[in-house]
Amino acid sequence: MTLLEMVKKNLIIEHDEDDELIKSYIDSAIDYAEKYQHRVKGFYAVHPMPATTRQGVVFLASYYYESRDGSTGGFFNDSTNKSVDFLFRLDREWKV
């Protein structure tokens, strides 16, 4: 299943009208993950994405979509970033 399909399933979206918008949120979520994990830009374009990072990207892209009007995003709350960061931390490249 692609990330787009996963995000749409998470959001319970069956239409294709917002696919480009959702893809842009997925790209932003991947960029955030790569920076948080101290990976080079484009790392996940050439390396497999671990399941925990995939789930974090789905959560974050869904949050971006649900919050696009400036609201808090439906069922999401302020702890969303903490949950996502925890998932990304599991695959982090630790550096001193």
PDB file of N, CA and C in Angstrom:
ATOM      1  N   MET A   1       0.850  -1.175   0.000  1.00  0.00           N
ATOM      2  CA  MET A   1       0.000   0.000   0.000  1.00  0.00           C
ATOM      3  C   MET A   1       0.898   1.242   0.000  1.00  0.00           C
ATOM      4  N   THR A   2       0.582   2.198  -0.850  1.00  0.00           N
ATOM      5  CA  THR A   2       1.370   3.429  -0.930  1.00  0.00           C
ATOM      6  C   THR A   2       1.057   4.344   0.256  1.00  0.00           C
ATOM      7  N   LEU A   3       1.935   5.317   0.472  1.00  0.00           N
ATOM      8  CA  LEU A   3       1.674   6.289   1.527  1.00  0.00           C
ATOM      9  C   LEU A   3       0.389   7.063   1.254  1.00  0.00           C
ATOM     10  N   LEU A   4       0.147   7.405  -0.007  1.00  0.00           N
ATOM     11  CA  LEU A   4      -1.095   8.112  -0.351  1.00  0.00           C
ATOM     12  C   LEU A   4      -2.305   7.270   0.043  1.00  0.00           C
ATOM     13  N   GLU A   5      -2.273   5.997  -0.283  1.00  0.00           N
ATOM     14  CA  GLU A   5      -3.399   5.117   0.073  1.00  0.00           C
ATOM     15  C   GLU A   5      -3.552   5.004   1.582  1.00  0.00           C
ATOM     16  N   MET A   6      -2.433   4.935   2.288  1.00  0.00           N
ATOM     17  CA  MET A   6      -2.482   4.832   3.748  1.00  0.00           C
ATOM     18  C   MET A   6      -3.073   6.089   4.380  1.00  0.00           C
ATOM     19  N   VAL A   7      -2.650   7.251   3.894  1.00  0.00           N
ATOM     20  CA  VAL A   7      -3.170   8.507   4.444  1.00  0.00           C
ATOM     21  C   VAL A   7      -4.663   8.644   4.140  1.00  0.00           C
ATOM     22  N   LYS A   8      -5.053   8.326   2.911  1.00  0.00           N
ATOM     23  CA  LYS A   8      -6.476   8.423   2.551  1.00  0.00           C
ATOM     24  C   LYS A   8      -7.312   7.457   3.381  1.00  0.00           C
ATOM     25  N   LYS A   9      -6.801   6.275   3.621  1.00  0.00           N
ATOM     26  CA  LYS A   9      -7.512   5.307   4.453  1.00  0.00           C
ATOM     27  C   LYS A   9      -7.629   5.832   5.884  1.00  0.00           C
ATOM     28  N   ASN A  10      -6.547   6.417   6.397  1.00  0.00           N
ATOM     29  CA  ASN A  10      -6.559   6.986   7.743  1.00  0.00           C
ATOM     30  C   ASN A  10      -7.572   8.127   7.861  1.00  0.00           C
ATOM     31  N   LEU A  11      -7.679   8.911   6.805  1.00  0.00           N
ATOM     32  CA  LEU A  11      -8.603  10.048   6.793  1.00  0.00           C
ATOM     33  C   LEU A  11     -10.023   9.661   6.375  1.00  0.00           C
ATOM     34  N   ILE A  12     -10.199   8.420   5.950  1.00  0.00           N
ATOM     35  CA  ILE A  12     -11.475   7.914   5.437  1.00  0.00           C
ATOM     36  C   ILE A  12     -11.913   8.753   4.234  1.00  0.00           C
ATOM     37  N   ILE A  13     -11.018   8.870   3.269  1.00  0.00           N
ATOM     38  CA  ILE A  13     -11.279   9.606   2.031  1.00  0.00           C
ATOM     39  C   ILE A  13     -11.318   8.608   0.878  1.00  0.00           C
ATOM     40  N   GLU A  14     -12.396   8.635   0.111  1.00  0.00           N
ATOM     41  CA  GLU A  14     -12.540   7.703  -1.011  1.00  0.00           C
ATOM     42  C   GLU A  14     -12.422   8.384  -2.370  1.00  0.00           C
ATOM     43  N   HIS A  15     -12.440   9.712  -2.410  1.00  0.00           N
ATOM     44  CA  HIS A  15     -12.343  10.441  -3.680  1.00  0.00           C
ATOM     45  C   HIS A  15     -10.883  10.776  -3.983  1.00  0.00           C
ATOM     46  N   ASP A  16     -10.630  11.195  -5.220  1.00  0.00           N
ATOM     47  CA  ASP A  16      -9.270  11.525  -5.660  1.00  0.00           C
ATOM     48  C   ASP A  16      -9.036  13.024  -5.804  1.00  0.00           C
ATOM     49  N   GLU A  17     -10.007  13.836  -5.457  1.00  0.00           N
ATOM     50  CA  GLU A  17      -9.936  15.278  -5.683  1.00  0.00           C
ATOM     51  C   GLU A  17      -8.803  15.951  -4.911  1.00  0.00           C
ATOM     52  N   ASP A  18      -8.438  15.432  -3.758  1.00  0.00           N
ATOM     53  CA  ASP A  18      -7.408  16.057  -2.926  1.00  0.00           C
ATOM     54  C   ASP A  18      -6.069  15.325  -2.975  1.00  0.00           C
ATOM     55  N   ASP A  19      -5.899  14.415  -3.920  1.00  0.00           N
ATOM     56  CA  ASP A  19      -4.673  13.611  -3.971  1.00  0.00           C
ATOM     57  C   ASP A  19      -3.408  14.459  -4.049  1.00  0.00           C
ATOM     58  N   GLU A  20      -3.391  15.476  -4.886  1.00  0.00           N
ATOM     59  CA  GLU A  20      -2.190  16.314  -5.016  1.00  0.00           C
ATOM     60  C   GLU A  20      -1.898  17.050  -3.715  1.00  0.00           C
ATOM     61  N   LEU A  21      -2.937  17.536  -3.064  1.00  0.00           N
ATOM     62  CA  LEU A  21      -2.772  18.216  -1.781  1.00  0.00           C
ATOM     63  C   LEU A  21      -2.218  17.245  -0.735  1.00  0.00           C
ATOM     64  N   ILE A  22      -2.793  16.056  -0.675  1.00  0.00           N
ATOM     65  CA  ILE A  22      -2.335  15.053   0.284  1.00  0.00           C
ATOM     66  C   ILE A  22      -0.888  14.658  -0.009  1.00  0.00           C
ATOM     67  N   LYS A  23      -0.544  14.519  -1.280  1.00  0.00           N
ATOM     68  CA  LYS A  23       0.846  14.190  -1.644  1.00  0.00           C
ATOM     69  C   LYS A  23       1.807  15.269  -1.146  1.00  0.00           C
ATOM     70  N   SER A  24       1.393  16.527  -1.220  1.00  0.00           N
ATOM     71  CA  SER A  24       2.262  17.605  -0.740  1.00  0.00           C
ATOM     72  C   SER A  24       2.444  17.511   0.779  1.00  0.00           C
ATOM     73  N   TYR A  25       1.398  17.105   1.484  1.00  0.00           N
ATOM     74  CA  TYR A  25       1.508  16.920   2.935  1.00  0.00           C
ATOM     75  C   TYR A  25       2.384  15.716   3.263  1.00  0.00           C
ATOM     76  N   ILE A  26       2.303  14.674   2.460  1.00  0.00           N
ATOM     77  CA  ILE A  26       3.176  13.511   2.652  1.00  0.00           C
ATOM     78  C   ILE A  26       4.627  13.917   2.447  1.00  0.00           C
ATOM     79  N   ASP A  27       4.896  14.701   1.396  1.00  0.00           N
ATOM     80  CA  ASP A  27       6.259  15.178   1.144  1.00  0.00           C
ATOM     81  C   ASP A  27       6.777  15.996   2.329  1.00  0.00           C
ATOM     82  N   SER A  28       5.935  16.849   2.870  1.00  0.00           N
ATOM     83  CA  SER A  28       6.329  17.662   4.028  1.00  0.00           C
ATOM     84  C   SER A  28       6.591  16.794   5.253  1.00  0.00           C
ATOM     85  N   ALA A  29       5.763  15.789   5.448  1.00  0.00           N
ATOM     86  CA  ALA A  29       5.934  14.890   6.587  1.00  0.00           C
ATOM     87  C   ALA A  29       7.225  14.079   6.454  1.00  0.00           C
ATOM     88  N   ILE A  30       7.528  13.632   5.241  1.00  0.00           N
ATOM     89  CA  ILE A  30       8.778  12.900   5.016  1.00  0.00           C
ATOM     90  C   ILE A  30       9.971  13.814   5.256  1.00  0.00           C
ATOM     91  N   ASP A  31       9.897  15.052   4.780  1.00  0.00           N
ATOM     92  CA  ASP A  31      10.965  16.018   5.003  1.00  0.00           C
ATOM     93  C   ASP A  31      11.182  16.234   6.503  1.00  0.00           C
ATOM     94  N   TYR A  32      10.088  16.374   7.248  1.00  0.00           N
ATOM     95  CA  TYR A  32      10.182  16.532   8.703  1.00  0.00           C
ATOM     96  C   TYR A  32      10.857  15.307   9.319  1.00  0.00           C
ATOM     97  N   ALA A  33      10.446  14.116   8.908  1.00  0.00           N
ATOM     98  CA  ALA A  33      11.019  12.880   9.446  1.00  0.00           C
ATOM     99  C   ALA A  33      12.518  12.820   9.180  1.00  0.00           C
ATOM    100  N   GLU A  34      12.915  13.118   7.945  1.00  0.00           N
ATOM    101  CA  GLU A  34      14.338  13.064   7.593  1.00  0.00           C
ATOM    102  C   GLU A  34      15.154  14.042   8.430  1.00  0.00           C
ATOM    103  N   LYS A  35      14.637  15.235   8.632  1.00  0.00           N
ATOM    104  CA  LYS A  35      15.357  16.226   9.441  1.00  0.00           C
ATOM    105  C   LYS A  35      15.405  15.801  10.905  1.00  0.00           C
ATOM    106  N   TYR A  36      14.289  15.316  11.419  1.00  0.00           N
ATOM    107  CA  TYR A  36      14.237  14.898  12.821  1.00  0.00           C
ATOM    108  C   TYR A  36      15.177  13.724  13.067  1.00  0.00           C
ATOM    109  N   GLN A  37      15.274  12.844  12.085  1.00  0.00           N
ATOM    110  CA  GLN A  37      16.100  11.641  12.228  1.00  0.00           C
ATOM    111  C   GLN A  37      17.554  11.845  11.802  1.00  0.00           C
ATOM    112  N   HIS A  38      17.916  13.078  11.462  1.00  0.00           N
ATOM    113  CA  HIS A  38      19.275  13.412  11.014  1.00  0.00           C
ATOM    114  C   HIS A  38      19.665  12.635   9.755  1.00  0.00           C
ATOM    115  N   ARG A  39      18.729  12.523   8.845  1.00  0.00           N
ATOM    116  CA  ARG A  39      18.982  11.867   7.554  1.00  0.00           C
ATOM    117  C   ARG A  39      19.148  12.952   6.489  1.00  0.00           C
ATOM    118  N   VAL A  40      19.837  12.626   5.417  1.00  0.00           N
ATOM    119  CA  VAL A  40      19.985  13.582   4.322  1.00  0.00           C
ATOM    120  C   VAL A  40      18.650  13.698   3.586  1.00  0.00           C
ATOM    121  N   LYS A  41      18.427  14.858   2.982  1.00  0.00           N
ATOM    122  CA  LYS A  41      17.208  15.072   2.219  1.00  0.00           C
ATOM    123  C   LYS A  41      17.129  14.033   1.095  1.00  0.00           C
ATOM    124  N   GLY A  42      15.985  13.411   0.959  1.00  0.00           N
ATOM    125  CA  GLY A  42      15.795  12.386  -0.061  1.00  0.00           C
ATOM    126  C   GLY A  42      16.196  10.986   0.387  1.00  0.00           C
ATOM    127  N   PHE A  43      16.566  10.835   1.649  1.00  0.00           N
ATOM    128  CA  PHE A  43      17.008   9.544   2.163  1.00  0.00           C
ATOM    129  C   PHE A  43      15.973   8.453   1.896  1.00  0.00           C
ATOM    130  N   TYR A  44      14.705   8.760   2.172  1.00  0.00           N
ATOM    131  CA  TYR A  44      13.664   7.739   2.019  1.00  0.00           C
ATOM    132  C   TYR A  44      13.219   7.544   0.577  1.00  0.00           C
ATOM    133  N   ALA A  45      13.757   8.328  -0.323  1.00  0.00           N
ATOM    134  CA  ALA A  45      13.494   8.089  -1.746  1.00  0.00           C
ATOM    135  C   ALA A  45      14.342   6.925  -2.255  1.00  0.00           C
ATOM    136  N   VAL A  46      15.462   6.652  -1.567  1.00  0.00           N
ATOM    137  CA  VAL A  46      16.366   5.588  -2.009  1.00  0.00           C
ATOM    138  C   VAL A  46      16.573   4.490  -0.963  1.00  0.00           C
ATOM    139  N   HIS A  47      16.032   4.667   0.230  1.00  0.00           N
ATOM    140  CA  HIS A  47      16.143   3.665   1.289  1.00  0.00           C
ATOM    141  C   HIS A  47      14.742   3.257   1.748  1.00  0.00           C
ATOM    142  N   PRO A  48      14.596   2.020   2.188  1.00  0.00           N
ATOM    143  CA  PRO A  48      13.292   1.600   2.703  1.00  0.00           C
ATOM    144  C   PRO A  48      12.914   2.397   3.949  1.00  0.00           C
ATOM    145  N   MET A  49      11.642   2.712   4.071  1.00  0.00           N
ATOM    146  CA  MET A  49      11.155   3.448   5.225  1.00  0.00           C
ATOM    147  C   MET A  49      10.657   2.445   6.263  1.00  0.00           C
ATOM    148  N   PRO A  50      11.220   2.491   7.485  1.00  0.00           N
ATOM    149  CA  PRO A  50      10.759   1.578   8.530  1.00  0.00           C
ATOM    150  C   PRO A  50       9.277   1.799   8.846  1.00  0.00           C
ATOM    151  N   ALA A  51       8.642   0.759   9.348  1.00  0.00           N
ATOM    152  CA  ALA A  51       7.202   0.816   9.641  1.00  0.00           C
ATOM    153  C   ALA A  51       6.851   1.937  10.619  1.00  0.00           C
ATOM    154  N   THR A  52       7.690   2.163  11.619  1.00  0.00           N
ATOM    155  CA  THR A  52       7.392   3.216  12.590  1.00  0.00           C
ATOM    156  C   THR A  52       7.452   4.599  11.949  1.00  0.00           C
ATOM    157  N   THR A  53       8.413   4.809  11.065  1.00  0.00           N
ATOM    158  CA  THR A  53       8.495   6.084  10.357  1.00  0.00           C
ATOM    159  C   THR A  53       7.315   6.233   9.405  1.00  0.00           C
ATOM    160  N   ARG A  54       6.941   5.166   8.708  1.00  0.00           N
ATOM    161  CA  ARG A  54       5.767   5.215   7.811  1.00  0.00           C
ATOM    162  C   ARG A  54       4.530   5.635   8.591  1.00  0.00           C
ATOM    163  N   GLN A  55       4.344   5.045   9.772  1.00  0.00           N
ATOM    164  CA  GLN A  55       3.167   5.384  10.568  1.00  0.00           C
ATOM    165  C   GLN A  55       3.212   6.843  11.005  1.00  0.00           C
ATOM    166  N   GLY A  56       4.393   7.323  11.372  1.00  0.00           N
ATOM    167  CA  GLY A  56       4.544   8.733  11.739  1.00  0.00           C
ATOM    168  C   GLY A  56       4.236   9.656  10.574  1.00  0.00           C
ATOM    169  N   VAL A  57       4.673   9.287   9.375  1.00  0.00           N
ATOM    170  CA  VAL A  57       4.387  10.089   8.184  1.00  0.00           C
ATOM    171  C   VAL A  57       2.878  10.103   7.915  1.00  0.00           C
ATOM    172  N   VAL A  58       2.224   8.971   8.061  1.00  0.00           N
ATOM    173  CA  VAL A  58       0.766   8.910   7.870  1.00  0.00           C
ATOM    174  C   VAL A  58       0.070   9.808   8.887  1.00  0.00           C
ATOM    175  N   PHE A  59       0.462   9.713  10.149  1.00  0.00           N
ATOM    176  CA  PHE A  59      -0.131  10.559  11.189  1.00  0.00           C
ATOM    177  C   PHE A  59       0.071  12.039  10.890  1.00  0.00           C
ATOM    178  N   LEU A  60       1.310  12.404  10.550  1.00  0.00           N
ATOM    179  CA  LEU A  60       1.630  13.810  10.347  1.00  0.00           C
ATOM    180  C   LEU A  60       0.949  14.362   9.096  1.00  0.00           C
ATOM    181  N   ALA A  61       0.963  13.627   7.998  1.00  0.00           N
ATOM    182  CA  ALA A  61       0.288  14.078   6.777  1.00  0.00           C
ATOM    183  C   ALA A  61      -1.219  14.203   7.023  1.00  0.00           C
ATOM    184  N   SER A  62      -1.782  13.285   7.772  1.00  0.00           N
ATOM    185  CA  SER A  62      -3.211  13.351   8.113  1.00  0.00           C
ATOM    186  C   SER A  62      -3.496  14.589   8.956  1.00  0.00           C
ATOM    187  N   TYR A  63      -2.609  14.866   9.903  1.00  0.00           N
ATOM    188  CA  TYR A  63      -2.750  16.054  10.743  1.00  0.00           C
ATOM    189  C   TYR A  63      -2.708  17.322   9.898  1.00  0.00           C
ATOM    190  N   TYR A  64      -1.756  17.397   8.961  1.00  0.00           N
ATOM    191  CA  TYR A  64      -1.665  18.559   8.077  1.00  0.00           C
ATOM    192  C   TYR A  64      -2.957  18.736   7.283  1.00  0.00           C
ATOM    193  N   TYR A  65      -3.491  17.646   6.766  1.00  0.00           N
ATOM    194  CA  TYR A  65      -4.726  17.711   5.979  1.00  0.00           C
ATOM    195  C   TYR A  65      -5.900  18.176   6.844  1.00  0.00           C
ATOM    196  N   GLU A  66      -6.041  17.591   8.008  1.00  0.00           N
ATOM    197  CA  GLU A  66      -7.150  17.935   8.897  1.00  0.00           C
ATOM    198  C   GLU A  66      -7.027  19.354   9.453  1.00  0.00           C
ATOM    199  N   SER A  67      -5.812  19.891   9.498  1.00  0.00           N
ATOM    200  CA  SER A  67      -5.578  21.210  10.083  1.00  0.00           C
ATOM    201  C   SER A  67      -5.386  22.297   9.038  1.00  0.00           C
ATOM    202  N   ARG A  68      -5.660  22.006   7.786  1.00  0.00           N
ATOM    203  CA  ARG A  68      -5.356  22.955   6.709  1.00  0.00           C
ATOM    204  C   ARG A  68      -6.122  24.260   6.810  1.00  0.00           C
ATOM    205  N   ASP A  69      -7.208  24.274   7.564  1.00  0.00           N
ATOM    206  CA  ASP A  69      -7.971  25.513   7.718  1.00  0.00           C
ATOM    207  C   ASP A  69      -7.564  26.285   8.977  1.00  0.00           C
ATOM    208  N   GLY A  70      -6.525  25.830   9.660  1.00  0.00           N
ATOM    209  CA  GLY A  70      -6.045  26.512  10.861  1.00  0.00           C
ATOM    210  C   GLY A  70      -6.639  25.973  12.140  1.00  0.00           C
ATOM    211  N   SER A  71      -7.521  24.976  12.035  1.00  0.00           N
ATOM    212  CA  SER A  71      -8.110  24.386  13.241  1.00  0.00           C
ATOM    213  C   SER A  71      -7.138  23.392  13.852  1.00  0.00           C
ATOM    214  N   THR A  72      -7.556  22.748  14.909  1.00  0.00           N
ATOM    215  CA  THR A  72      -6.696  21.756  15.560  1.00  0.00           C
ATOM    216  C   THR A  72      -6.822  20.390  14.913  1.00  0.00           C
ATOM    217  N   GLY A  73      -7.654  20.232  13.926  1.00  0.00           N
ATOM    218  CA  GLY A  73      -7.697  18.988  13.174  1.00  0.00           C
ATOM    219  C   GLY A  73      -8.590  17.910  13.728  1.00  0.00           C
ATOM    220  N   GLY A  74      -9.840  18.207  13.950  1.00  0.00           N
ATOM    221  CA  GLY A  74     -10.787  17.163  14.315  1.00  0.00           C
ATOM    222  C   GLY A  74     -10.398  16.405  15.564  1.00  0.00           C
ATOM    223  N   PHE A  75     -10.122  15.104  15.400  1.00  0.00           N
ATOM    224  CA  PHE A  75      -9.835  14.270  16.560  1.00  0.00           C
ATOM    225  C   PHE A  75      -8.401  14.403  17.047  1.00  0.00           C
ATOM    226  N   PHE A  76      -7.548  15.161  16.336  1.00  0.00           N
ATOM    227  CA  PHE A  76      -6.174  15.369  16.782  1.00  0.00           C
ATOM    228  C   PHE A  76      -6.151  16.443  17.857  1.00  0.00           C
ATOM    229  N   ASN A  77      -5.127  16.408  18.665  1.00  0.00           N
ATOM    230  CA  ASN A  77      -4.982  17.450  19.674  1.00  0.00           C
ATOM    231  C   ASN A  77      -3.528  17.911  19.721  1.00  0.00           C
ATOM    232  N   ASP A  78      -3.189  18.705  20.708  1.00  0.00           N
ATOM    233  CA  ASP A  78      -1.835  19.280  20.783  1.00  0.00           C
ATOM    234  C   ASP A  78      -0.738  18.242  20.987  1.00  0.00           C
ATOM    235  N   SER A  79      -1.080  17.036  21.387  1.00  0.00           N
ATOM    236  CA  SER A  79      -0.052  16.029  21.628  1.00  0.00           C
ATOM    237  C   SER A  79       0.340  15.285  20.354  1.00  0.00           C
ATOM    238  N   THR A  80      -0.224  15.677  19.202  1.00  0.00           N
ATOM    239  CA  THR A  80       0.079  14.992  17.943  1.00  0.00           C
ATOM    240  C   THR A  80       1.565  14.993  17.653  1.00  0.00           C
ATOM    241  N   ASN A  81       2.220  16.142  17.754  1.00  0.00           N
ATOM    242  CA  ASN A  81       3.654  16.201  17.452  1.00  0.00           C
ATOM    243  C   ASN A  81       4.469  15.338  18.401  1.00  0.00           C
ATOM    244  N   LYS A  82       4.074  15.247  19.657  1.00  0.00           N
ATOM    245  CA  LYS A  82       4.794  14.398  20.601  1.00  0.00           C
ATOM    246  C   LYS A  82       4.688  12.939  20.185  1.00  0.00           C
ATOM    247  N   SER A  83       3.520  12.507  19.758  1.00  0.00           N
ATOM    248  CA  SER A  83       3.321  11.129  19.313  1.00  0.00           C
ATOM    249  C   SER A  83       4.129  10.837  18.057  1.00  0.00           C
ATOM    250  N   VAL A  84       4.093  11.773  17.110  1.00  0.00           N
ATOM    251  CA  VAL A  84       4.835  11.604  15.859  1.00  0.00           C
ATOM    252  C   VAL A  84       6.332  11.601  16.128  1.00  0.00           C
ATOM    253  N   ASP A  85       6.800  12.523  16.946  1.00  0.00           N
ATOM    254  CA  ASP A  85       8.221  12.581  17.276  1.00  0.00           C
ATOM    255  C   ASP A  85       8.677  11.283  17.933  1.00  0.00           C
ATOM    256  N   PHE A  86       7.826  10.692  18.764  1.00  0.00           N
ATOM    257  CA  PHE A  86       8.184   9.424  19.390  1.00  0.00           C
ATOM    258  C   PHE A  86       8.384   8.348  18.327  1.00  0.00           C
ATOM    259  N   LEU A  87       7.497   8.276  17.342  1.00  0.00           N
ATOM    260  CA  LEU A  87       7.652   7.297  16.265  1.00  0.00           C
ATOM    261  C   LEU A  87       8.922   7.554  15.460  1.00  0.00           C
ATOM    262  N   PHE A  88       9.190   8.813  15.134  1.00  0.00           N
ATOM    263  CA  PHE A  88      10.387   9.147  14.364  1.00  0.00           C
ATOM    264  C   PHE A  88      11.660   8.894  15.169  1.00  0.00           C
ATOM    265  N   ARG A  89      11.588   9.094  16.466  1.00  0.00           N
ATOM    266  CA  ARG A  89      12.753   8.899  17.326  1.00  0.00           C
ATOM    267  C   ARG A  89      13.229   7.444  17.287  1.00  0.00           C
ATOM    268  N   LEU A  90      12.311   6.507  17.079  1.00  0.00           N
ATOM    269  CA  LEU A  90      12.670   5.086  17.068  1.00  0.00           C
ATOM    270  C   LEU A  90      13.640   4.741  15.937  1.00  0.00           C
ATOM    271  N   ASP A  91      13.608   5.512  14.858  1.00  0.00           N
ATOM    272  CA  ASP A  91      14.475   5.252  13.704  1.00  0.00           C
ATOM    273  C   ASP A  91      15.513   6.356  13.512  1.00  0.00           C
ATOM    274  N   ARG A  92      15.766   7.117  14.540  1.00  0.00           N
ATOM    275  CA  ARG A  92      16.666   8.257  14.460  1.00  0.00           C
ATOM    276  C   ARG A  92      18.114   7.817  14.346  1.00  0.00           C
ATOM    277  N   GLU A  93      18.873   8.558  13.557  1.00  0.00           N
ATOM    278  CA  GLU A  93      20.333   8.368  13.443  1.00  0.00           C
ATOM    279  C   GLU A  93      20.948   9.245  14.535  1.00  0.00           C
ATOM    280  N   TRP A  94      21.320   8.623  15.627  1.00  0.00           N
ATOM    281  CA  TRP A  94      21.822   9.383  16.781  1.00  0.00           C
ATOM    282  C   TRP A  94      23.248   9.835  16.525  1.00  0.00           C
ATOM    283  N   LYS A  95      23.466  11.114  16.762  1.00  0.00           N
ATOM    284  CA  LYS A  95      24.789  11.709  16.560  1.00  0.00           C
ATOM    285  C   LYS A  95      25.165  12.522  17.786  1.00  0.00           C
ATOM    286  N   VAL A  96      26.433  12.574  18.028  1.00  0.00           N
ATOM    287  CA  VAL A  96      26.917  13.352  19.178  1.00  0.00           C
ATOM    288  C   VAL A  96      27.499  14.647  18.682  1.00  0.00           C
TER     289      VAL A  96
END
